[in-house]
Amino acid sequence: MYSKKGIGSWLKYYEKTGKRPPRETLLFALNEFEKHSLKGENTPLAIDLGCGNGRDTVEMLKRGWRVLAIDAEPSAIEGISARINEEKKNFLETKICRFESVLLPKSQLINSSFALPLVSPIDFPNLWKKILDALLPEGLVSCQLYGERDSWFGDPTITFLSRSDIDALLSPLQLEYFREEEEDSTTPRGIQKHWHIYHIVARRSY
């Protein structure tokens, strides 16, 4: 599959990004569970939406979570399987599908690193509702969302949000971590762009 945003296959993209460390938002969320002993006695379930080849999924498995990893690209799922041992595979479930249409089980952590913006504005509200409905009490969502000053703004296949939009989305949740970022850099596919990103971790408190 080829991206609209640059030349090269998803496989090449995963090769460039797969060895990078887990996202800051995921690490913050995992540390919150450990700091406040929120995981409970049973092995907790996390969902990784748009998992790629597993830079976040692998970290969750290492930290003792069961993980449902979802991605539309078969090469992403293959990459995860190649990075974990047989024991950890017992705690991993994978689905190859667009996550807008997937049914989400109840879970304590829903992670989506840089994937939610790639859902169209038509589908995004329903997906966000599914995320909120799937979160257990005291559960966390960790994600990135794109702001209106991002250089891809105007692409009808991508969701961009104003700060007031973000506040409305997070109103049912308790905000635990928030960082707004703007920078010019090169994407893993070698494309120059201006990023406008909201890094978010929020808790369902009821």
C-alpha atoms as a PDB file:
ATOM      1  CA  MET A   1       0.000   0.000   0.000  1.00  0.00           C
ATOM      2  CA  TYR A   2       1.270   3.487  -0.840  1.00  0.00           C
ATOM      3  CA  SER A   3       0.656   6.559   1.234  1.00  0.00           C
ATOM      4  CA  LYS A   4      -0.928   9.682  -0.164  1.00  0.00           C
ATOM      5  CA  LYS A   5       1.684  11.622   1.776  1.00  0.00           C
ATOM      6  CA  GLY A   6       4.825  10.354   0.120  1.00  0.00           C
ATOM      7  CA  ILE A   7       6.523   7.722  -1.974  1.00  0.00           C
ATOM      8  CA  GLY A   8       7.180   4.313  -0.547  1.00  0.00           C
ATOM      9  CA  SER A   9       5.330   1.367   0.897  1.00  0.00           C
ATOM     10  CA  TRP A  10       4.114   0.947   4.444  1.00  0.00           C
ATOM     11  CA  LEU A  11       6.704  -1.797   4.778  1.00  0.00           C
ATOM     12  CA  LYS A  12       9.522   0.701   4.234  1.00  0.00           C
ATOM     13  CA  TYR A  13       7.844   3.071   6.677  1.00  0.00           C
ATOM     14  CA  TYR A  14       7.749   0.368   9.341  1.00  0.00           C
ATOM     15  CA  GLU A  15      11.396  -0.471   8.713  1.00  0.00           C
ATOM     16  CA  LYS A  16      12.328   3.154   9.425  1.00  0.00           C
ATOM     17  CA  THR A  17      10.167   3.591  12.509  1.00  0.00           C
ATOM     18  CA  GLY A  18      10.017   0.136  14.068  1.00  0.00           C
ATOM     19  CA  LYS A  19      13.159   0.474  16.177  1.00  0.00           C
ATOM     20  CA  ARG A  20      12.171   3.823  17.629  1.00  0.00           C
ATOM     21  CA  PRO A  21      11.169   3.892  21.315  1.00  0.00           C
ATOM     22  CA  PRO A  22       7.539   3.837  22.447  1.00  0.00           C
ATOM     23  CA  ARG A  23       5.624   7.105  22.255  1.00  0.00           C
ATOM     24  CA  GLU A  24       5.789   9.457  25.231  1.00  0.00           C
ATOM     25  CA  THR A  25       2.025   9.312  25.672  1.00  0.00           C
ATOM     26  CA  LEU A  26       2.013   5.534  25.988  1.00  0.00           C
ATOM     27  CA  LEU A  27       4.896   5.575  28.466  1.00  0.00           C
ATOM     28  CA  PHE A  28       3.094   8.174  30.572  1.00  0.00           C
ATOM     29  CA  ALA A  29      -0.068   6.062  30.578  1.00  0.00           C
ATOM     30  CA  LEU A  30       1.763   2.856  31.518  1.00  0.00           C
ATOM     31  CA  ASN A  31       3.610   4.645  34.304  1.00  0.00           C
ATOM     32  CA  GLU A  32       0.294   5.978  35.651  1.00  0.00           C
ATOM     33  CA  PHE A  33      -1.060   2.451  35.969  1.00  0.00           C
ATOM     34  CA  GLU A  34       2.094   1.289  37.738  1.00  0.00           C
ATOM     35  CA  LYS A  35       2.350   4.344  39.984  1.00  0.00           C
ATOM     36  CA  HIS A  36      -1.235   4.049  41.217  1.00  0.00           C
ATOM     37  CA  SER A  37      -1.490   0.221  41.077  1.00  0.00           C
ATOM     38  CA  LEU A  38      -4.475   0.427  38.729  1.00  0.00           C
ATOM     39  CA  LYS A  39      -3.812  -2.729  36.710  1.00  0.00           C
ATOM     40  CA  GLY A  40      -5.598  -4.999  39.179  1.00  0.00           C
ATOM     41  CA  GLU A  41      -4.878  -8.643  39.955  1.00  0.00           C
ATOM     42  CA  ASN A  42      -5.691 -10.032  36.510  1.00  0.00           C
ATOM     43  CA  THR A  43      -3.674  -9.343  33.377  1.00  0.00           C
ATOM     44  CA  PRO A  44      -5.208  -6.117  32.006  1.00  0.00           C
ATOM     45  CA  LEU A  45      -6.219  -5.583  28.384  1.00  0.00           C
ATOM     46  CA  ALA A  46      -4.881  -2.784  26.200  1.00  0.00           C
ATOM     47  CA  ILE A  47      -5.932  -1.942  22.647  1.00  0.00           C
ATOM     48  CA  ASP A  48      -3.405  -0.539  20.174  1.00  0.00           C
ATOM     49  CA  LEU A  49      -5.304   1.143  17.313  1.00  0.00           C
ATOM     50  CA  GLY A  50      -3.142   1.548  14.236  1.00  0.00           C
ATOM     51  CA  CYS A  51      -0.375  -0.447  15.873  1.00  0.00           C
ATOM     52  CA  GLY A  52       2.128  -0.285  13.004  1.00  0.00           C
ATOM     53  CA  ASN A  53       4.873  -2.831  13.532  1.00  0.00           C
ATOM     54  CA  GLY A  54       4.610  -2.628  17.262  1.00  0.00           C
ATOM     55  CA  ARG A  55       6.826  -0.002  18.853  1.00  0.00           C
ATOM     56  CA  ASP A  56       4.035   0.546  21.416  1.00  0.00           C
ATOM     57  CA  THR A  57       2.532  -2.950  21.370  1.00  0.00           C
ATOM     58  CA  VAL A  58       5.849  -4.578  22.284  1.00  0.00           C
ATOM     59  CA  GLU A  59       6.293  -2.223  25.247  1.00  0.00           C
ATOM     60  CA  MET A  60       2.837  -3.053  26.589  1.00  0.00           C
ATOM     61  CA  LEU A  61       3.564  -6.769  26.331  1.00  0.00           C
ATOM     62  CA  LYS A  62       6.870  -6.272  28.154  1.00  0.00           C
ATOM     63  CA  ARG A  63       4.997  -4.477  30.946  1.00  0.00           C
ATOM     64  CA  GLY A  64       2.642  -7.404  31.509  1.00  0.00           C
ATOM     65  CA  TRP A  65      -0.425  -6.414  29.496  1.00  0.00           C
ATOM     66  CA  ARG A  66      -2.602  -8.417  27.150  1.00  0.00           C
ATOM     67  CA  VAL A  67      -2.801  -6.496  23.878  1.00  0.00           C
ATOM     68  CA  LEU A  68      -5.283  -6.370  21.029  1.00  0.00           C
ATOM     69  CA  ALA A  69      -3.247  -4.873  18.169  1.00  0.00           C
ATOM     70  CA  ILE A  70      -5.239  -3.562  15.203  1.00  0.00           C
ATOM     71  CA  ASP A  71      -3.928  -2.351  11.857  1.00  0.00           C
ATOM     72  CA  ALA A  72      -5.112  -2.382   8.253  1.00  0.00           C
ATOM     73  CA  GLU A  73      -1.699  -3.476   6.956  1.00  0.00           C
ATOM     74  CA  PRO A  74      -0.742  -7.172   7.093  1.00  0.00           C
ATOM     75  CA  SER A  75       2.951  -6.200   7.084  1.00  0.00           C
ATOM     76  CA  ALA A  76       2.402  -4.353  10.365  1.00  0.00           C
ATOM     77  CA  ILE A  77       1.086  -7.434  12.118  1.00  0.00           C
ATOM     78  CA  GLU A  78       3.875  -9.560  10.649  1.00  0.00           C
ATOM     79  CA  GLY A  79       6.402  -7.092  12.041  1.00  0.00           C
ATOM     80  CA  ILE A  80       5.006  -7.405  15.557  1.00  0.00           C
ATOM     81  CA  SER A  81       5.061 -11.210  15.491  1.00  0.00           C
ATOM     82  CA  ALA A  82       8.711 -11.156  14.445  1.00  0.00           C
ATOM     83  CA  ARG A  83       9.660  -8.987  17.438  1.00  0.00           C
ATOM     84  CA  ILE A  84       8.221 -10.997  20.316  1.00  0.00           C
ATOM     85  CA  ASN A  85       8.906 -14.437  21.760  1.00  0.00           C
ATOM     86  CA  GLU A  86       6.451 -17.330  21.901  1.00  0.00           C
ATOM     87  CA  GLU A  87       5.486 -16.625  25.512  1.00  0.00           C
ATOM     88  CA  LYS A  88       4.443 -13.054  24.738  1.00  0.00           C
ATOM     89  CA  LYS A  89       2.460 -14.225  21.705  1.00  0.00           C
ATOM     90  CA  ASN A  90       0.066 -15.879  24.165  1.00  0.00           C
ATOM     91  CA  PHE A  91      -0.869 -12.391  25.370  1.00  0.00           C
ATOM     92  CA  LEU A  92      -1.252 -10.865  21.908  1.00  0.00           C
ATOM     93  CA  GLU A  93      -4.344 -10.810  19.708  1.00  0.00           C
ATOM     94  CA  THR A  94      -4.153  -9.166  16.298  1.00  0.00           C
ATOM     95  CA  LYS A  95      -6.731  -7.969  13.802  1.00  0.00           C
ATOM     96  CA  ILE A  96      -6.093  -6.796  10.255  1.00  0.00           C
ATOM     97  CA  CYS A  97      -8.815  -4.269   9.526  1.00  0.00           C
ATOM     98  CA  ARG A  98      -9.685  -0.605   9.419  1.00  0.00           C
ATOM     99  CA  PHE A  99     -10.323   0.200  13.043  1.00  0.00           C
ATOM    100  CA  GLU A 100     -13.272   2.473  12.251  1.00  0.00           C
ATOM    101  CA  SER A 101     -15.350  -0.682  11.746  1.00  0.00           C
ATOM    102  CA  VAL A 102     -13.941  -2.918  14.482  1.00  0.00           C
ATOM    103  CA  LEU A 103     -15.810  -3.753  17.682  1.00  0.00           C
ATOM    104  CA  LEU A 104     -13.740  -2.689  20.683  1.00  0.00           C
ATOM    105  CA  PRO A 105     -13.858  -4.831  23.837  1.00  0.00           C
ATOM    106  CA  LYS A 106     -13.873  -3.255  27.272  1.00  0.00           C
ATOM    107  CA  SER A 107     -10.295  -2.385  28.181  1.00  0.00           C
ATOM    108  CA  GLN A 108      -8.212  -0.441  30.659  1.00  0.00           C
ATOM    109  CA  LEU A 109      -5.988   1.254  28.091  1.00  0.00           C
ATOM    110  CA  ILE A 110      -6.656   2.369  24.520  1.00  0.00           C
ATOM    111  CA  ASN A 111      -3.559   3.599  22.722  1.00  0.00           C
ATOM    112  CA  SER A 112      -3.433   5.118  19.246  1.00  0.00           C
ATOM    113  CA  SER A 113      -0.169   6.779  18.300  1.00  0.00           C
ATOM    114  CA  PHE A 114      -0.581   9.120  15.318  1.00  0.00           C
ATOM    115  CA  ALA A 115      -3.347   6.935  13.841  1.00  0.00           C
ATOM    116  CA  LEU A 116      -6.595   8.648  14.877  1.00  0.00           C
ATOM    117  CA  PRO A 117      -6.042  11.700  12.627  1.00  0.00           C
ATOM    118  CA  LEU A 118      -5.961   9.393   9.601  1.00  0.00           C
ATOM    119  CA  VAL A 119      -9.636   8.628  10.146  1.00  0.00           C
ATOM    120  CA  SER A 120     -11.898  10.812   8.008  1.00  0.00           C
ATOM    121  CA  PRO A 121     -13.951  13.574   9.674  1.00  0.00           C
ATOM    122  CA  ILE A 122     -17.087  11.630   8.742  1.00  0.00           C
ATOM    123  CA  ASP A 123     -15.988   8.511  10.649  1.00  0.00           C
ATOM    124  CA  PHE A 124     -14.071  10.129  13.501  1.00  0.00           C
ATOM    125  CA  PRO A 125     -16.998  11.024  15.829  1.00  0.00           C
ATOM    126  CA  ASN A 126     -18.318   7.465  15.826  1.00  0.00           C
ATOM    127  CA  LEU A 127     -14.845   6.027  16.426  1.00  0.00           C
ATOM    128  CA  TRP A 128     -14.256   8.392  19.353  1.00  0.00           C
ATOM    129  CA  LYS A 129     -17.590   7.335  20.858  1.00  0.00           C
ATOM    130  CA  LYS A 130     -16.564   3.686  20.536  1.00  0.00           C
ATOM    131  CA  ILE A 131     -13.307   4.471  22.331  1.00  0.00           C
ATOM    132  CA  LEU A 132     -15.128   6.172  25.204  1.00  0.00           C
ATOM    133  CA  ASP A 133     -17.641   3.329  25.460  1.00  0.00           C
ATOM    134  CA  ALA A 134     -14.860   0.723  25.563  1.00  0.00           C
ATOM    135  CA  LEU A 135     -12.861   2.382  28.351  1.00  0.00           C
ATOM    136  CA  LEU A 136     -13.355   0.832  31.769  1.00  0.00           C
ATOM    137  CA  PRO A 137     -13.610   3.119  34.828  1.00  0.00           C
ATOM    138  CA  GLU A 138     -10.144   4.532  35.610  1.00  0.00           C
ATOM    139  CA  GLY A 139      -9.075   3.492  32.111  1.00  0.00           C
ATOM    140  CA  LEU A 140      -6.782   5.692  30.028  1.00  0.00           C
ATOM    141  CA  VAL A 141      -6.715   6.743  26.395  1.00  0.00           C
ATOM    142  CA  SER A 142      -3.332   7.829  24.992  1.00  0.00           C
ATOM    143  CA  CYS A 143      -3.197   9.354  21.535  1.00  0.00           C
ATOM    144  CA  GLN A 144      -2.194  12.141  19.173  1.00  0.00           C
ATOM    145  CA  LEU A 145      -4.578  14.441  17.288  1.00  0.00           C
ATOM    146  CA  TYR A 146      -3.807  16.968  14.549  1.00  0.00           C
ATOM    147  CA  GLY A 147      -4.416  20.694  14.907  1.00  0.00           C
ATOM    148  CA  GLU A 148      -5.599  23.144  12.291  1.00  0.00           C
ATOM    149  CA  ARG A 149      -2.157  24.602  11.576  1.00  0.00           C
ATOM    150  CA  ASP A 150      -0.781  21.286  10.339  1.00  0.00           C
ATOM    151  CA  SER A 151       0.447  21.537   6.739  1.00  0.00           C
ATOM    152  CA  TRP A 152      -1.841  18.666   5.707  1.00  0.00           C
ATOM    153  CA  PHE A 153      -4.858  20.725   6.772  1.00  0.00           C
ATOM    154  CA  GLY A 154      -7.540  20.592   4.106  1.00  0.00           C
ATOM    155  CA  ASP A 155      -7.071  16.938   3.193  1.00  0.00           C
ATOM    156  CA  PRO A 156     -10.643  15.579   3.386  1.00  0.00           C
ATOM    157  CA  THR A 157      -9.436  12.130   4.462  1.00  0.00           C
ATOM    158  CA  ILE A 158      -7.756  13.440   7.638  1.00  0.00           C
ATOM    159  CA  THR A 159      -9.343  14.815  10.817  1.00  0.00           C
ATOM    160  CA  PHE A 160      -8.041  18.164  12.092  1.00  0.00           C
ATOM    161  CA  LEU A 161      -9.277  19.709  15.325  1.00  0.00           C
ATOM    162  CA  SER A 162      -9.232  23.136  16.943  1.00  0.00           C
ATOM    163  CA  ARG A 163      -8.402  23.536  20.631  1.00  0.00           C
ATOM    164  CA  SER A 164     -12.104  23.992  21.365  1.00  0.00           C
ATOM    165  CA  ASP A 165     -12.813  20.761  19.460  1.00  0.00           C
ATOM    166  CA  ILE A 166     -10.222  18.990  21.612  1.00  0.00           C
ATOM    167  CA  ASP A 167     -11.755  20.360  24.806  1.00  0.00           C
ATOM    168  CA  ALA A 168     -15.183  19.088  23.736  1.00  0.00           C
ATOM    169  CA  LEU A 169     -13.824  15.622  22.936  1.00  0.00           C
ATOM    170  CA  LEU A 170     -12.127  15.384  26.313  1.00  0.00           C
ATOM    171  CA  SER A 171     -15.029  16.777  28.351  1.00  0.00           C
ATOM    172  CA  PRO A 172     -16.176  13.306  29.535  1.00  0.00           C
ATOM    173  CA  LEU A 173     -12.615  12.508  30.636  1.00  0.00           C
ATOM    174  CA  GLN A 174     -10.076  13.713  33.171  1.00  0.00           C
ATOM    175  CA  LEU A 175      -7.015  15.126  31.409  1.00  0.00           C
ATOM    176  CA  GLU A 176      -3.771  13.637  32.750  1.00  0.00           C
ATOM    177  CA  TYR A 177      -1.227  14.735  30.132  1.00  0.00           C
ATOM    178  CA  PHE A 178      -1.442  17.359  27.412  1.00  0.00           C
ATOM    179  CA  ARG A 179       1.218  18.817  25.153  1.00  0.00           C
ATOM    180  CA  GLU A 180       0.651  20.921  22.056  1.00  0.00           C
ATOM    181  CA  GLU A 181       3.510  20.735  19.550  1.00  0.00           C
ATOM    182  CA  GLU A 182       4.345  22.661  16.403  1.00  0.00           C
ATOM    183  CA  GLU A 183       7.498  22.001  14.429  1.00  0.00           C
ATOM    184  CA  ASP A 184       8.889  21.688  10.926  1.00  0.00           C
ATOM    185  CA  SER A 185      10.545  18.368  10.181  1.00  0.00           C
ATOM    186  CA  THR A 186      10.885  15.545   7.695  1.00  0.00           C
ATOM    187  CA  THR A 187       8.486  12.609   7.786  1.00  0.00           C
ATOM    188  CA  PRO A 188       9.822   9.017   7.777  1.00  0.00           C
ATOM    189  CA  ARG A 189       9.043   9.028   4.056  1.00  0.00           C
ATOM    190  CA  GLY A 190      11.307  12.026   3.481  1.00  0.00           C
ATOM    191  CA  ILE A 191       8.589  14.673   3.065  1.00  0.00           C
ATOM    192  CA  GLN A 192       9.057  18.130   4.598  1.00  0.00           C
ATOM    193  CA  LYS A 193       6.022  19.278   6.565  1.00  0.00           C
ATOM    194  CA  HIS A 194       4.771  21.459   9.403  1.00  0.00           C
ATOM    195  CA  TRP A 195       3.324  19.452  12.267  1.00  0.00           C
ATOM    196  CA  HIS A 196       0.604  20.685  14.600  1.00  0.00           C
ATOM    197  CA  ILE A 197       0.002  17.915  17.098  1.00  0.00           C
ATOM    198  CA  TYR A 198      -1.830  17.466  20.387  1.00  0.00           C
ATOM    199  CA  HIS A 199      -0.312  14.741  22.597  1.00  0.00           C
ATOM    200  CA  ILE A 200      -2.966  13.483  25.004  1.00  0.00           C
ATOM    201  CA  VAL A 201      -3.511  11.076  27.889  1.00  0.00           C
ATOM    202  CA  ALA A 202      -6.940  11.201  29.532  1.00  0.00           C
ATOM    203  CA  ARG A 203      -8.771   9.085  32.098  1.00  0.00           C
ATOM    204  CA  ARG A 204     -12.317   7.857  32.361  1.00  0.00           C
ATOM    205  CA  SER A 205     -13.138   8.535  35.992  1.00  0.00           C
ATOM    206  CA  TYR A 206     -16.496   6.751  36.248  1.00  0.00           C
END
